[in-house]
Every structure is written in C-alpha cells, then in structure tokens.
C-alpha atoms as a PDB file:
ATOM      1  CA  MET A   1     -90.869   9.131 155.383  1.00  0.00           C
ATOM      2  CA  LYS A   2     -92.932   9.320 152.417  1.00  0.00           C
ATOM      3  CA  LYS A   3     -96.823   9.462 154.029  1.00  0.00           C
ATOM      4  CA  LYS A   4     -98.809   6.500 152.456  1.00  0.00           C
ATOM      5  CA  LYS A   5    -101.234   7.199 150.326  1.00  0.00           C
ATOM      6  CA  GLN A   6    -105.579   6.443 151.252  1.00  0.00           C
ATOM      7  CA  MET A   7    -108.534   7.376 150.411  1.00  0.00           C
ATOM      8  CA  LEU A   8    -112.091   7.574 152.108  1.00  0.00           C
ATOM      9  CA  ALA A   9    -114.650   5.095 152.021  1.00  0.00           C
ATOM     10  CA  GLU A  10    -117.896   5.425 152.853  1.00  0.00           C
ATOM     11  CA  VAL A  11    -119.546   2.583 154.903  1.00  0.00           C
ATOM     12  CA  VAL A  12    -122.897   1.310 152.834  1.00  0.00           C
ATOM     13  CA  GLU A  13    -123.313  -2.394 154.870  1.00  0.00           C
ATOM     14  CA  ARG A  14    -122.707  -3.968 158.262  1.00  0.00           C
ATOM     15  CA  ARG A  15    -124.476  -7.220 159.264  1.00  0.00           C
ATOM     16  CA  GLU A  16    -123.528  -9.114 162.515  1.00  0.00           C
ATOM     17  CA  ILE A  17    -123.267 -12.868 161.678  1.00  0.00           C
ATOM     18  CA  CYS A  18    -122.368 -14.002 164.979  1.00  0.00           C
ATOM     19  CA  ASP A  19    -121.107 -11.857 168.244  1.00  0.00           C
ATOM     20  CA  ASN A  20    -117.733 -12.685 166.956  1.00  0.00           C
ATOM     21  CA  LEU A  21    -117.955 -11.961 162.868  1.00  0.00           C
ATOM     22  CA  LEU A  22    -119.273  -8.808 161.144  1.00  0.00           C
ATOM     23  CA  ILE A  23    -119.705  -8.611 157.176  1.00  0.00           C
ATOM     24  CA  LEU A  24    -118.741  -4.749 156.365  1.00  0.00           C
ATOM     25  CA  ALA A  25    -119.280  -2.858 152.568  1.00  0.00           C
ATOM     26  CA  VAL A  26    -117.367   0.378 151.771  1.00  0.00           C
ATOM     27  CA  ARG A  27    -117.501   2.291 149.016  1.00  0.00           C
ATOM     28  CA  PRO A  28    -114.619   3.559 148.311  1.00  0.00           C
ATOM     29  CA  SER A  29    -114.656   7.587 146.865  1.00  0.00           C
ATOM     30  CA  ARG A  30    -112.823   6.486 143.873  1.00  0.00           C
ATOM     31  CA  PRO A  31    -111.907   3.147 142.654  1.00  0.00           C
ATOM     32  CA  LEU A  32    -110.116   0.773 143.585  1.00  0.00           C
ATOM     33  CA  SER A  33    -107.602  -1.723 141.687  1.00  0.00           C
ATOM     34  CA  PHE A  34    -106.814  -5.239 142.463  1.00  0.00           C
ATOM     35  CA  ALA A  35    -107.075  -8.672 141.922  1.00  0.00           C
ATOM     36  CA  PRO A  36    -109.738 -11.367 143.115  1.00  0.00           C
ATOM     37  CA  GLY A  37    -107.947 -12.389 146.493  1.00  0.00           C
ATOM     38  CA  GLN A  38    -105.832  -9.590 147.292  1.00  0.00           C
ATOM     39  CA  TYR A  39    -106.182  -8.007 150.422  1.00  0.00           C
ATOM     40  CA  VAL A  40    -105.519  -4.038 151.499  1.00  0.00           C
ATOM     41  CA  LYS A  41    -105.215  -2.308 154.648  1.00  0.00           C
ATOM     42  CA  LEU A  42    -107.908  -0.348 156.383  1.00  0.00           C
ATOM     43  CA  PHE A  43    -107.886   2.891 158.972  1.00  0.00           C
ATOM     44  CA  VAL A  44    -109.808   4.049 161.629  1.00  0.00           C
ATOM     45  CA  ASP A  45    -108.649   6.625 164.566  1.00  0.00           C
ATOM     46  CA  GLY A  46    -105.180   5.497 163.373  1.00  0.00           C
ATOM     47  CA  ILE A  47    -105.092   1.984 163.699  1.00  0.00           C
ATOM     48  CA  LYS A  48    -104.198   0.663 160.799  1.00  0.00           C
ATOM     49  CA  ARG A  49    -104.704  -3.388 159.607  1.00  0.00           C
ATOM     50  CA  ARG A  50    -105.130  -5.273 156.519  1.00  0.00           C
ATOM     51  CA  TYR A  51    -108.232  -7.660 155.565  1.00  0.00           C
ATOM     52  CA  SER A  52    -109.000  -9.894 152.219  1.00  0.00           C
ATOM     53  CA  ILE A  53    -111.253  -8.755 149.970  1.00  0.00           C
ATOM     54  CA  VAL A  54    -114.280 -10.435 149.798  1.00  0.00           C
ATOM     55  CA  SER A  55    -115.991  -8.455 146.767  1.00  0.00           C
ATOM     56  CA  ALA A  56    -114.932  -9.470 143.278  1.00  0.00           C
ATOM     57  CA  PRO A  57    -114.041  -6.274 141.051  1.00  0.00           C
ATOM     58  CA  HIS A  58    -116.849  -5.331 138.874  1.00  0.00           C
ATOM     59  CA  GLU A  59    -119.148  -5.272 142.456  1.00  0.00           C
ATOM     60  CA  GLY A  60    -118.306  -1.394 143.411  1.00  0.00           C
ATOM     61  CA  VAL A  61    -117.719  -2.007 146.487  1.00  0.00           C
ATOM     62  CA  LEU A  62    -115.320  -3.009 149.160  1.00  0.00           C
ATOM     63  CA  GLU A  63    -116.928  -6.054 151.303  1.00  0.00           C
ATOM     64  CA  PHE A  64    -114.874  -7.653 153.984  1.00  0.00           C
ATOM     65  CA  CYS A  65    -115.590 -10.164 156.873  1.00  0.00           C
ATOM     66  CA  ILE A  66    -114.164  -9.251 160.135  1.00  0.00           C
ATOM     67  CA  GLU A  67    -113.321 -11.774 162.975  1.00  0.00           C
ATOM     68  CA  ARG A  68    -113.682  -9.889 166.273  1.00  0.00           C
ATOM     69  CA  VAL A  69    -110.675 -10.316 169.148  1.00  0.00           C
ATOM     70  CA  PRO A  70    -110.545  -9.956 171.729  1.00  0.00           C
ATOM     71  CA  ASN A  71    -109.718  -6.614 173.430  1.00  0.00           C
ATOM     72  CA  GLY A  72    -108.139  -5.633 169.816  1.00  0.00           C
ATOM     73  CA  GLU A  73    -108.389  -2.400 169.272  1.00  0.00           C
ATOM     74  CA  MET A  74    -109.079  -2.478 165.826  1.00  0.00           C
ATOM     75  CA  THR A  75    -112.128  -4.416 165.392  1.00  0.00           C
ATOM     76  CA  ALA A  76    -113.366  -2.756 168.651  1.00  0.00           C
ATOM     77  CA  ARG A  77    -113.949   0.467 165.880  1.00  0.00           C
ATOM     78  CA  LEU A  78    -115.088  -1.665 163.455  1.00  0.00           C
ATOM     79  CA  TRP A  79    -117.925  -2.962 165.608  1.00  0.00           C
ATOM     80  CA  GLY A  80    -118.498  -0.015 166.307  1.00  0.00           C
ATOM     81  CA  LEU A  81    -118.647   1.908 162.848  1.00  0.00           C
ATOM     82  CA  ARG A  82    -122.232   2.823 161.071  1.00  0.00           C
ATOM     83  CA  ARG A  83    -123.822   3.349 157.767  1.00  0.00           C
ATOM     84  CA  GLY A  84    -122.603   6.777 156.208  1.00  0.00           C
ATOM     85  CA  ASP A  85    -119.388   6.546 158.531  1.00  0.00           C
ATOM     86  CA  ALA A  86    -116.322   6.720 156.621  1.00  0.00           C
ATOM     87  CA  VAL A  87    -113.505   4.633 156.867  1.00  0.00           C
ATOM     88  CA  GLY A  88    -109.574   4.855 155.733  1.00  0.00           C
ATOM     89  CA  VAL A  89    -108.721   2.236 153.063  1.00  0.00           C
ATOM     90  CA  ARG A  90    -105.063   2.358 151.151  1.00  0.00           C
ATOM     91  CA  THR A  91    -104.568   2.742 147.482  1.00  0.00           C
ATOM     92  CA  LYS A  92    -102.787   0.292 146.791  1.00  0.00           C
ATOM     93  CA  VAL A  93    -102.885  -3.991 147.440  1.00  0.00           C
ATOM     94  CA  LYS A  94    -101.195  -6.400 147.664  1.00  0.00           C
ATOM     95  CA  GLY A  95    -101.370 -10.120 147.774  1.00  0.00           C
ATOM     96  CA  LYS A  96     -99.975 -13.314 145.738  1.00  0.00           C
ATOM     97  CA  LEU A  97    -103.627 -15.597 146.735  1.00  0.00           C
ATOM     98  CA  GLN A  98    -104.759 -15.211 143.119  1.00  0.00           C
ATOM     99  CA  LEU A  99    -106.678 -18.197 140.789  1.00  0.00           C
ATOM    100  CA  ASP A 100    -104.476 -20.182 137.945  1.00  0.00           C
ATOM    101  CA  LEU A 101    -106.370 -20.928 135.650  1.00  0.00           C
ATOM    102  CA  ARG A 102    -103.413 -22.970 133.786  1.00  0.00           C
ATOM    103  CA  PHE A 103    -104.839 -25.353 136.641  1.00  0.00           C
ATOM    104  CA  PRO A 104    -108.347 -27.549 135.502  1.00  0.00           C
ATOM    105  CA  SER A 105    -108.814 -27.925 139.827  1.00  0.00           C
ATOM    106  CA  HIS A 106    -108.992 -25.906 142.873  1.00  0.00           C
ATOM    107  CA  LEU A 107    -109.515 -27.144 146.102  1.00  0.00           C
ATOM    108  CA  MET A 108    -109.546 -24.498 148.233  1.00  0.00           C
ATOM    109  CA  ILE A 109    -109.259 -24.210 152.573  1.00  0.00           C
ATOM    110  CA  ALA A 110    -109.934 -22.254 154.913  1.00  0.00           C
ATOM    111  CA  THR A 111    -111.140 -21.766 158.654  1.00  0.00           C
ATOM    112  CA  VAL A 112    -114.339 -19.309 159.291  1.00  0.00           C
ATOM    113  CA  THR A 113    -112.885 -15.715 156.992  1.00  0.00           C
ATOM    114  CA  GLY A 114    -110.151 -17.890 155.766  1.00  0.00           C
ATOM    115  CA  ILE A 115    -113.058 -17.654 152.973  1.00  0.00           C
ATOM    116  CA  SER A 116    -112.545 -14.419 151.865  1.00  0.00           C
ATOM    117  CA  PRO A 117    -110.447 -14.647 149.058  1.00  0.00           C
ATOM    118  CA  PHE A 118    -112.368 -17.581 148.085  1.00  0.00           C
ATOM    119  CA  VAL A 119    -115.430 -15.897 147.913  1.00  0.00           C
ATOM    120  CA  GLY A 120    -114.094 -13.136 145.553  1.00  0.00           C
ATOM    121  CA  MET A 121    -112.574 -15.774 143.156  1.00  0.00           C
ATOM    122  CA  LEU A 122    -115.470 -17.804 142.755  1.00  0.00           C
ATOM    123  CA  ARG A 123    -118.118 -14.207 142.105  1.00  0.00           C
ATOM    124  CA  ALA A 124    -115.539 -12.782 140.231  1.00  0.00           C
ATOM    125  CA  TYR A 125    -115.010 -16.183 137.281  1.00  0.00           C
ATOM    126  CA  LEU A 126    -119.400 -16.142 137.819  1.00  0.00           C
ATOM    127  CA  HIS A 127    -118.999 -12.413 136.456  1.00  0.00           C
ATOM    128  CA  GLU A 128    -116.562 -12.921 133.846  1.00  0.00           C
ATOM    129  CA  ARG A 129    -117.869 -16.431 132.352  1.00  0.00           C
ATOM    130  CA  ARG A 130    -115.397 -18.487 132.226  1.00  0.00           C
ATOM    131  CA  ARG A 131    -115.287 -23.029 131.640  1.00  0.00           C
ATOM    132  CA  GLY A 132    -113.477 -25.527 132.174  1.00  0.00           C
ATOM    133  CA  HIS A 133    -112.674 -25.556 135.858  1.00  0.00           C
ATOM    134  CA  LYS A 134    -113.795 -26.903 138.881  1.00  0.00           C
ATOM    135  CA  PHE A 135    -113.503 -24.934 142.702  1.00  0.00           C
ATOM    136  CA  TYR A 136    -113.468 -27.627 145.454  1.00  0.00           C
ATOM    137  CA  VAL A 137    -114.309 -25.133 148.544  1.00  0.00           C
ATOM    138  CA  LEU A 138    -113.381 -26.834 151.988  1.00  0.00           C
ATOM    139  CA  HIS A 139    -114.935 -24.187 155.021  1.00  0.00           C
ATOM    140  CA  GLY A 140    -113.862 -24.992 158.936  1.00  0.00           C
ATOM    141  CA  ALA A 141    -114.740 -23.219 161.963  1.00  0.00           C
ATOM    142  CA  ARG A 142    -115.608 -24.284 165.417  1.00  0.00           C
ATOM    143  CA  GLY A 143    -119.610 -23.810 165.123  1.00  0.00           C
ATOM    144  CA  HIS A 144    -122.026 -23.827 161.967  1.00  0.00           C
ATOM    145  CA  ASP A 145    -122.442 -19.925 162.680  1.00  0.00           C
ATOM    146  CA  GLU A 146    -119.426 -19.158 161.514  1.00  0.00           C
ATOM    147  CA  PHE A 147    -119.783 -19.346 157.998  1.00  0.00           C
ATOM    148  CA  PRO A 148    -120.140 -16.629 156.955  1.00  0.00           C
ATOM    149  CA  TYR A 149    -121.257 -17.189 153.128  1.00  0.00           C
ATOM    150  CA  HIS A 150    -122.806 -20.406 153.907  1.00  0.00           C
ATOM    151  CA  THR A 151    -125.659 -19.487 152.486  1.00  0.00           C
ATOM    152  CA  GLU A 152    -123.904 -18.264 149.019  1.00  0.00           C
ATOM    153  CA  LEU A 153    -121.756 -21.418 148.696  1.00  0.00           C
ATOM    154  CA  THR A 154    -124.701 -23.745 149.531  1.00  0.00           C
ATOM    155  CA  ARG A 155    -126.532 -21.828 147.004  1.00  0.00           C
ATOM    156  CA  LEU A 156    -123.589 -22.068 144.274  1.00  0.00           C
ATOM    157  CA  ALA A 157    -123.419 -25.687 145.242  1.00  0.00           C
ATOM    158  CA  ALA A 158    -126.966 -26.707 144.659  1.00  0.00           C
ATOM    159  CA  LEU A 159    -127.294 -24.439 141.185  1.00  0.00           C
ATOM    160  CA  ARG A 160    -123.770 -25.440 139.709  1.00  0.00           C
ATOM    161  CA  PRO A 161    -122.638 -28.773 140.974  1.00  0.00           C
ATOM    162  CA  ASP A 162    -120.649 -28.781 137.596  1.00  0.00           C
ATOM    163  CA  LEU A 163    -118.673 -25.491 138.897  1.00  0.00           C
ATOM    164  CA  VAL A 164    -118.562 -26.024 142.638  1.00  0.00           C
ATOM    165  CA  THR A 165    -118.164 -28.299 145.424  1.00  0.00           C
ATOM    166  CA  TYR A 166    -118.766 -26.828 148.702  1.00  0.00           C
ATOM    167  CA  VAL A 167    -117.874 -28.409 152.062  1.00  0.00           C
ATOM    168  CA  PRO A 168    -118.750 -26.893 156.112  1.00  0.00           C
ATOM    169  CA  THR A 169    -116.947 -28.278 158.565  1.00  0.00           C
ATOM    170  CA  ILE A 170    -117.166 -27.788 162.590  1.00  0.00           C
ATOM    171  CA  SER A 171    -114.288 -28.670 165.022  1.00  0.00           C
ATOM    172  CA  ARG A 172    -116.619 -28.773 167.981  1.00  0.00           C
ATOM    173  CA  PRO A 173    -119.757 -30.860 167.108  1.00  0.00           C
ATOM    174  CA  ALA A 174    -120.610 -31.664 171.038  1.00  0.00           C
ATOM    175  CA  GLU A 175    -121.294 -28.521 171.635  1.00  0.00           C
ATOM    176  CA  ALA A 176    -124.687 -27.596 172.778  1.00  0.00           C
ATOM    177  CA  ARG A 177    -125.165 -24.632 169.349  1.00  0.00           C
ATOM    178  CA  ASN A 178    -124.141 -27.070 167.266  1.00  0.00           C
ATOM    179  CA  ALA A 179    -127.088 -29.467 168.160  1.00  0.00           C
ATOM    180  CA  GLY A 180    -128.754 -30.602 164.658  1.00  0.00           C
ATOM    181  CA  TRP A 181    -125.375 -29.940 162.680  1.00  0.00           C
ATOM    182  CA  ALA A 182    -125.653 -32.796 159.489  1.00  0.00           C
ATOM    183  CA  GLY A 183    -122.452 -32.118 158.324  1.00  0.00           C
ATOM    184  CA  GLU A 184    -119.333 -32.961 158.303  1.00  0.00           C
ATOM    185  CA  THR A 185    -117.148 -32.867 161.599  1.00  0.00           C
ATOM    186  CA  GLY A 186    -113.771 -32.375 162.943  1.00  0.00           C
ATOM    187  CA  ARG A 187    -110.826 -29.734 161.788  1.00  0.00           C
ATOM    188  CA  VAL A 188    -110.750 -28.715 158.114  1.00  0.00           C
ATOM    189  CA  SER A 189    -107.088 -29.958 157.317  1.00  0.00           C
ATOM    190  CA  GLY A 190    -108.534 -33.376 157.926  1.00  0.00           C
ATOM    191  CA  LEU A 191    -110.970 -33.165 154.837  1.00  0.00           C
ATOM    192  CA  VAL A 192    -108.182 -32.407 152.533  1.00  0.00           C
ATOM    193  CA  GLY A 193    -106.998 -36.232 152.086  1.00  0.00           C
ATOM    194  CA  LYS A 194    -111.129 -37.242 151.988  1.00  0.00           C
ATOM    195  CA  CYS A 195    -111.330 -34.819 149.078  1.00  0.00           C
ATOM    196  CA  VAL A 196    -108.177 -35.832 147.382  1.00  0.00           C
ATOM    197  CA  ALA A 197    -108.917 -39.562 147.810  1.00  0.00           C
ATOM    198  CA  GLN A 198    -112.389 -38.934 146.431  1.00  0.00           C
ATOM    199  CA  TYR A 199    -112.442 -36.412 143.649  1.00  0.00           C
ATOM    200  CA  GLY A 200    -108.820 -38.521 142.354  1.00  0.00           C
ATOM    201  CA  LEU A 201    -107.411 -35.257 142.256  1.00  0.00           C
ATOM    202  CA  ASP A 202    -103.595 -34.492 141.351  1.00  0.00           C
ATOM    203  CA  PRO A 203    -100.376 -32.828 141.012  1.00  0.00           C
ATOM    204  CA  ARG A 204    -100.607 -31.659 137.549  1.00  0.00           C
ATOM    205  CA  SER A 205    -103.763 -30.889 138.012  1.00  0.00           C
ATOM    206  CA  THR A 206    -105.234 -29.762 140.770  1.00  0.00           C
ATOM    207  CA  LEU A 207    -103.929 -26.278 142.994  1.00  0.00           C
ATOM    208  CA  LEU A 208    -104.434 -25.602 146.247  1.00  0.00           C
ATOM    209  CA  TYR A 209    -105.021 -22.564 147.822  1.00  0.00           C
ATOM    210  CA  ALA A 210    -104.867 -22.587 151.735  1.00  0.00           C
ATOM    211  CA  CYS A 211    -105.755 -19.503 154.277  1.00  0.00           C
ATOM    212  CA  GLY A 212    -106.831 -18.847 157.274  1.00  0.00           C
ATOM    213  CA  HIS A 213    -105.753 -19.516 160.974  1.00  0.00           C
ATOM    214  CA  PRO A 214    -101.713 -20.064 160.514  1.00  0.00           C
ATOM    215  CA  GLY A 215    -101.681 -23.669 162.366  1.00  0.00           C
ATOM    216  CA  MET A 216    -104.068 -25.509 159.205  1.00  0.00           C
ATOM    217  CA  VAL A 217    -102.213 -23.014 157.043  1.00  0.00           C
ATOM    218  CA  ARG A 218     -99.204 -24.252 158.007  1.00  0.00           C
ATOM    219  CA  GLU A 219    -100.968 -28.139 158.293  1.00  0.00           C
ATOM    220  CA  VAL A 220    -101.842 -27.759 154.914  1.00  0.00           C
ATOM    221  CA  LYS A 221     -98.920 -26.205 153.213  1.00  0.00           C
ATOM    222  CA  LYS A 222     -96.346 -29.220 154.794  1.00  0.00           C
ATOM    223  CA  GLN A 223     -98.032 -32.428 153.674  1.00  0.00           C
ATOM    224  CA  TYR A 224     -99.486 -31.927 150.657  1.00  0.00           C
ATOM    225  CA  ARG A 225     -96.243 -29.940 148.893  1.00  0.00           C
ATOM    226  CA  ARG A 226     -94.825 -33.326 150.308  1.00  0.00           C
ATOM    227  CA  ASP A 227     -96.993 -34.570 148.659  1.00  0.00           C
ATOM    228  CA  GLY A 228     -96.532 -32.871 145.330  1.00  0.00           C
ATOM    229  CA  PHE A 229     -99.477 -30.337 145.234  1.00  0.00           C
ATOM    230  CA  ARG A 230     -98.823 -26.583 144.715  1.00  0.00           C
ATOM    231  CA  VAL A 231    -100.154 -24.889 147.632  1.00  0.00           C
ATOM    232  CA  ASP A 232    -100.318 -21.281 147.653  1.00  0.00           C
ATOM    233  CA  THR A 233    -101.150 -19.778 150.985  1.00  0.00           C
ATOM    234  CA  GLU A 234    -102.091 -16.414 152.734  1.00  0.00           C
ATOM    235  CA  ARG A 235    -102.030 -15.117 156.192  1.00  0.00           C
ATOM    236  CA  TYR A 236    -104.583 -14.573 158.939  1.00  0.00           C
ATOM    237  CA  TRP A 237    -105.167 -11.265 160.094  1.00  0.00           C
ATOM    238  CA  LYS A 238    -107.620 -10.114 162.466  1.00  0.00           C
ATOM    239  CA  VAL A 239    -106.659  -7.977 165.307  1.00  0.00           C
END
C-alpha cells in the first residue's frame, strides 16, 4: 500500500481556552495549499485525526481549535504538546465546506469548535478585501467559556456591523459558571428560525452552513433544506 504523504510542523502556539478547549498553531515545514473551511489530518505518535483549519491561507501557520475528549487517544497527546514540539501534517487537505460567494447572505451555524471553518472563511474574506456579502454567525455552547473566538468575532461584529452579525448562545444558563450571562440562551438550532425571520433571509439569496455536533447538523439540514435553503455541512471530529 502506498504510504500517505505527510510533513512535519512545529508547534508555535498553544493556548488553553478552558479545561476542554485548546487552540494550537503549528508552522509546517513547507507551505500547505488549502481553501478556507477545509480540514487536514494531524499525526502524533502514530495516532491520526482530522481537524478543521481555523487559519486563513495567508497566515503562514495552521491553527486548530481542539476539544478535549475523556480518554481520547489523540487529544491526550495534543494537550501534552509544547512550543517547539513537532506534529505530522498530511499534505493533502479535504473538505467541501467552503464559501460560495454567488450568495450575498451567509448564515453560519456552529457548536463549540464547529466555529473553526467559519473563522477561517471570515479572515480570508477580510484579507482579500471582498465586498457585497453579509455573514450571520450563530454559535452555541453549554457555557460562556466555550466560545474560543468570542473576542475576535465580537470585535469584528462591532467594527463591521455591515459585514458580520455574531450571536452566541448557551444551552445551560442555570449552571453556576454561567451566572451573569446576558446573551441568548437555548440551543443554537433554535436561533436559526429567529435569524431567518428577523433579517428576512430567503433561499434565493442565503446559503446556510452547519458545522459541529452531529445532532445539530442533522436538525438544521433536515429543517431548512425542507424550507428550500441550500445547507452545506461538515462533520465534527474531536477524538
């Protein structure tokens, strides 16, 4: 069997957002060609898993947002990495979750680390100085500490309200850790209809994307494809 090609990448940043979320950035030994929204396989100690790329192609590093899994073989190894350590990166990227700019409006629905491809898409869109599109980003998590790009997206929405609307929501508002939360509550899939109605989004001009928890992805796809929307999806890998 032909061996799959891979290269080494050096860990240049690791940042723990909370107990179960890690942002990891690696610098590959040679440039990797990919489109915003795609994913790639990482290798550590012979274990491999695929992760969506957060960074945009122009950034020069590969950034990943990773959720820790109890007893997960790969996440245990990733949590043990430090700056200067090496990981393997497959040189072939995959994934069809990419921007289709034929639609002027883009409704992006994510849970926790499912936000990863959408952050990359927005960074690339800004870098390329494109115009004429609007992005509605709905992000769901159990608690307020599970929004890894909350600061970046909140700032972007404040600076460019013409471009981005960002709505985070927590599903467990009664938990002590969420005391003081003043934003939306409930599952993110429940916000989709509200957003569609509030902003007058329709299937002719709006593309929906869903990435994250499989149950959420299935629910959004079933409901809104039935309503005539095109819904592009990606699975969520976290082990």
